[in-house]
Amino acid sequence: MVVERIAAAVSQQGPAATHIAEVVGHLRTMNAQTARAAGETAQVTESMSQRATDLQRLADRFRI
């Protein structure tokens, strides 16, 4: 009887463990994508900052 209950509990936990592993894998993927997006955002922000600086210098040249 105890062995049957253990076997039943293990069989019920198997699908749950698989699901948890899938969710963890998905979270890892999302985390990696978020990190890449953050890096890309930082690069774009730096580029925009440089362009703003360039525009400010150009505007300063034409001021009277």
N, C-alpha and C. Protein backbone atom coordinates (compact mmCIF):
# COMPACT_ATOMS: atom_id res chain seq x y z
N MET A 1 0.82 -1.20 0.00
CA MET A 1 0.00 0.00 0.00
C MET A 1 0.86 1.26 0.00
N VAL A 2 1.89 1.31 0.83
CA VAL A 2 2.78 2.47 0.88
C VAL A 2 3.48 2.65 -0.46
N VAL A 3 3.94 1.55 -1.03
CA VAL A 3 4.63 1.60 -2.32
C VAL A 3 3.69 2.13 -3.39
N GLU A 4 2.44 1.72 -3.36
CA GLU A 4 1.47 2.20 -4.34
C GLU A 4 1.23 3.70 -4.19
N ARG A 5 1.16 4.18 -2.96
CA ARG A 5 0.98 5.62 -2.73
C ARG A 5 2.19 6.41 -3.20
N ILE A 6 3.37 5.86 -2.92
CA ILE A 6 4.59 6.53 -3.38
C ILE A 6 4.62 6.56 -4.90
N ALA A 7 4.28 5.45 -5.52
CA ALA A 7 4.26 5.38 -6.98
C ALA A 7 3.25 6.37 -7.55
N ALA A 8 2.09 6.48 -6.93
CA ALA A 8 1.07 7.42 -7.39
C ALA A 8 1.55 8.87 -7.23
N ALA A 9 2.18 9.15 -6.10
CA ALA A 9 2.69 10.51 -5.87
C ALA A 9 3.77 10.86 -6.88
N VAL A 10 4.66 9.93 -7.16
CA VAL A 10 5.73 10.17 -8.14
C VAL A 10 5.14 10.38 -9.52
N SER A 11 4.15 9.58 -9.89
CA SER A 11 3.56 9.73 -11.22
C SER A 11 2.83 11.06 -11.36
N GLN A 12 2.27 11.57 -10.27
CA GLN A 12 1.61 12.87 -10.30
C GLN A 12 2.62 14.01 -10.35
N GLN A 13 3.75 13.82 -9.70
CA GLN A 13 4.76 14.87 -9.67
C GLN A 13 5.57 14.92 -10.96
N GLY A 14 5.61 13.82 -11.68
CA GLY A 14 6.36 13.80 -12.94
C GLY A 14 5.91 14.88 -13.90
N PRO A 15 4.61 14.94 -14.24
CA PRO A 15 4.14 16.00 -15.14
C PRO A 15 4.35 17.40 -14.56
N ALA A 16 4.17 17.55 -13.26
CA ALA A 16 4.37 18.86 -12.64
C ALA A 16 5.84 19.27 -12.74
N ALA A 17 6.74 18.33 -12.49
CA ALA A 17 8.17 18.63 -12.59
C ALA A 17 8.54 19.00 -14.02
N THR A 18 7.96 18.29 -14.98
CA THR A 18 8.22 18.61 -16.38
C THR A 18 7.72 20.00 -16.71
N HIS A 19 6.54 20.32 -16.22
CA HIS A 19 5.97 21.65 -16.46
C HIS A 19 6.84 22.73 -15.83
N ILE A 20 7.28 22.50 -14.61
CA ILE A 20 8.14 23.47 -13.92
C ILE A 20 9.43 23.67 -14.72
N ALA A 21 10.01 22.58 -15.20
CA ALA A 21 11.24 22.68 -15.99
C ALA A 21 11.00 23.49 -17.27
N GLU A 22 9.86 23.29 -17.90
CA GLU A 22 9.52 24.05 -19.11
C GLU A 22 9.36 25.53 -18.79
N VAL A 23 8.69 25.83 -17.68
CA VAL A 23 8.49 27.23 -17.28
C VAL A 23 9.83 27.88 -16.97
N VAL A 24 10.70 27.16 -16.25
CA VAL A 24 12.02 27.69 -15.93
C VAL A 24 12.81 27.95 -17.21
N GLY A 25 12.73 27.03 -18.16
CA GLY A 25 13.39 27.23 -19.44
C GLY A 25 12.87 28.46 -20.16
N HIS A 26 11.56 28.64 -20.12
CA HIS A 26 10.94 29.82 -20.74
C HIS A 26 11.42 31.10 -20.05
N LEU A 27 11.47 31.08 -18.72
CA LEU A 27 11.94 32.26 -17.98
C LEU A 27 13.39 32.58 -18.31
N ARG A 28 14.21 31.56 -18.46
CA ARG A 28 15.62 31.78 -18.83
C ARG A 28 15.70 32.43 -20.22
N THR A 29 14.89 31.94 -21.14
CA THR A 29 14.87 32.51 -22.48
C THR A 29 14.44 33.97 -22.43
N MET A 30 13.38 34.25 -21.69
CA MET A 30 12.89 35.62 -21.57
C MET A 30 13.94 36.52 -20.92
N ASN A 31 14.63 36.00 -19.92
CA ASN A 31 15.68 36.77 -19.25
C ASN A 31 16.80 37.11 -20.23
N ALA A 32 17.20 36.15 -21.04
CA ALA A 32 18.25 36.39 -22.04
C ALA A 32 17.80 37.42 -23.06
N GLN A 33 16.55 37.32 -23.50
CA GLN A 33 16.02 38.29 -24.46
C GLN A 33 15.95 39.68 -23.85
N THR A 34 15.56 39.76 -22.59
CA THR A 34 15.49 41.04 -21.90
C THR A 34 16.88 41.66 -21.78
N ALA A 35 17.87 40.83 -21.46
CA ALA A 35 19.24 41.33 -21.35
C ALA A 35 19.73 41.85 -22.70
N ARG A 36 19.44 41.13 -23.77
CA ARG A 36 19.84 41.59 -25.10
C ARG A 36 19.15 42.92 -25.44
N ALA A 37 17.86 43.00 -25.15
CA ALA A 37 17.10 44.23 -25.43
C ALA A 37 17.65 45.39 -24.62
N ALA A 38 18.02 45.14 -23.38
CA ALA A 38 18.59 46.20 -22.54
C ALA A 38 19.91 46.68 -23.14
N GLY A 39 20.72 45.76 -23.62
CA GLY A 39 21.97 46.14 -24.27
C GLY A 39 21.74 46.96 -25.52
N GLU A 40 20.78 46.54 -26.33
CA GLU A 40 20.45 47.28 -27.55
C GLU A 40 19.91 48.67 -27.21
N THR A 41 19.10 48.76 -26.17
CA THR A 41 18.55 50.05 -25.74
C THR A 41 19.68 50.97 -25.29
N ALA A 42 20.64 50.43 -24.57
CA ALA A 42 21.78 51.24 -24.13
C ALA A 42 22.57 51.76 -25.33
N GLN A 43 22.77 50.92 -26.33
CA GLN A 43 23.50 51.35 -27.53
C GLN A 43 22.74 52.45 -28.27
N VAL A 44 21.44 52.28 -28.42
CA VAL A 44 20.63 53.29 -29.11
C VAL A 44 20.63 54.60 -28.31
N THR A 45 20.53 54.49 -27.00
CA THR A 45 20.54 55.69 -26.16
C THR A 45 21.86 56.43 -26.31
N GLU A 46 22.96 55.71 -26.31
CA GLU A 46 24.28 56.33 -26.50
C GLU A 46 24.37 57.00 -27.86
N SER A 47 23.87 56.33 -28.88
CA SER A 47 23.89 56.90 -30.23
C SER A 47 23.05 58.17 -30.30
N MET A 48 21.87 58.15 -29.69
CA MET A 48 21.00 59.33 -29.69
C MET A 48 21.65 60.47 -28.92
N SER A 49 22.32 60.15 -27.83
CA SER A 49 23.00 61.17 -27.05
C SER A 49 24.11 61.83 -27.88
N GLN A 50 24.84 61.02 -28.62
CA GLN A 50 25.90 61.55 -29.48
C GLN A 50 25.31 62.44 -30.57
N ARG A 51 24.21 62.01 -31.15
CA ARG A 51 23.56 62.82 -32.19
C ARG A 51 23.06 64.15 -31.61
N ALA A 52 22.52 64.12 -30.41
CA ALA A 52 22.05 65.35 -29.76
C ALA A 52 23.22 66.29 -29.51
N THR A 53 24.35 65.73 -29.08
CA THR A 53 25.55 66.55 -28.87
C THR A 53 26.00 67.18 -30.19
N ASP A 54 26.01 66.37 -31.24
CA ASP A 54 26.40 66.88 -32.56
C ASP A 54 25.47 68.00 -33.03
N LEU A 55 24.17 67.80 -32.84
CA LEU A 55 23.20 68.84 -33.23
C LEU A 55 23.38 70.11 -32.42
N GLN A 56 23.67 69.95 -31.13
CA GLN A 56 23.89 71.13 -30.28
C GLN A 56 25.12 71.90 -30.76
N ARG A 57 26.18 71.20 -31.09
CA ARG A 57 27.39 71.86 -31.60
C ARG A 57 27.08 72.60 -32.90
N LEU A 58 26.33 71.96 -33.78
CA LEU A 58 25.96 72.59 -35.05
C LEU A 58 25.11 73.84 -34.80
N ALA A 59 24.15 73.74 -33.89
CA ALA A 59 23.30 74.89 -33.56
C ALA A 59 24.14 76.02 -32.98
N ASP A 60 25.12 75.69 -32.14
CA ASP A 60 25.98 76.71 -31.54
C ASP A 60 26.79 77.45 -32.60
N ARG A 61 27.16 76.78 -33.66
CA ARG A 61 27.95 77.41 -34.73
C ARG A 61 27.15 78.47 -35.47
N PHE A 62 25.83 78.32 -35.52
CA PHE A 62 25.00 79.24 -36.28
C PHE A 62 24.33 80.31 -35.43
N ARG A 63 24.64 80.33 -34.15
CA ARG A 63 24.07 81.36 -33.28
C ARG A 63 24.79 82.68 -33.50
N ILE A 64 24.01 83.72 -33.38
CA ILE A 64 24.59 85.07 -33.54
C ILE A 64 24.92 85.63 -32.17
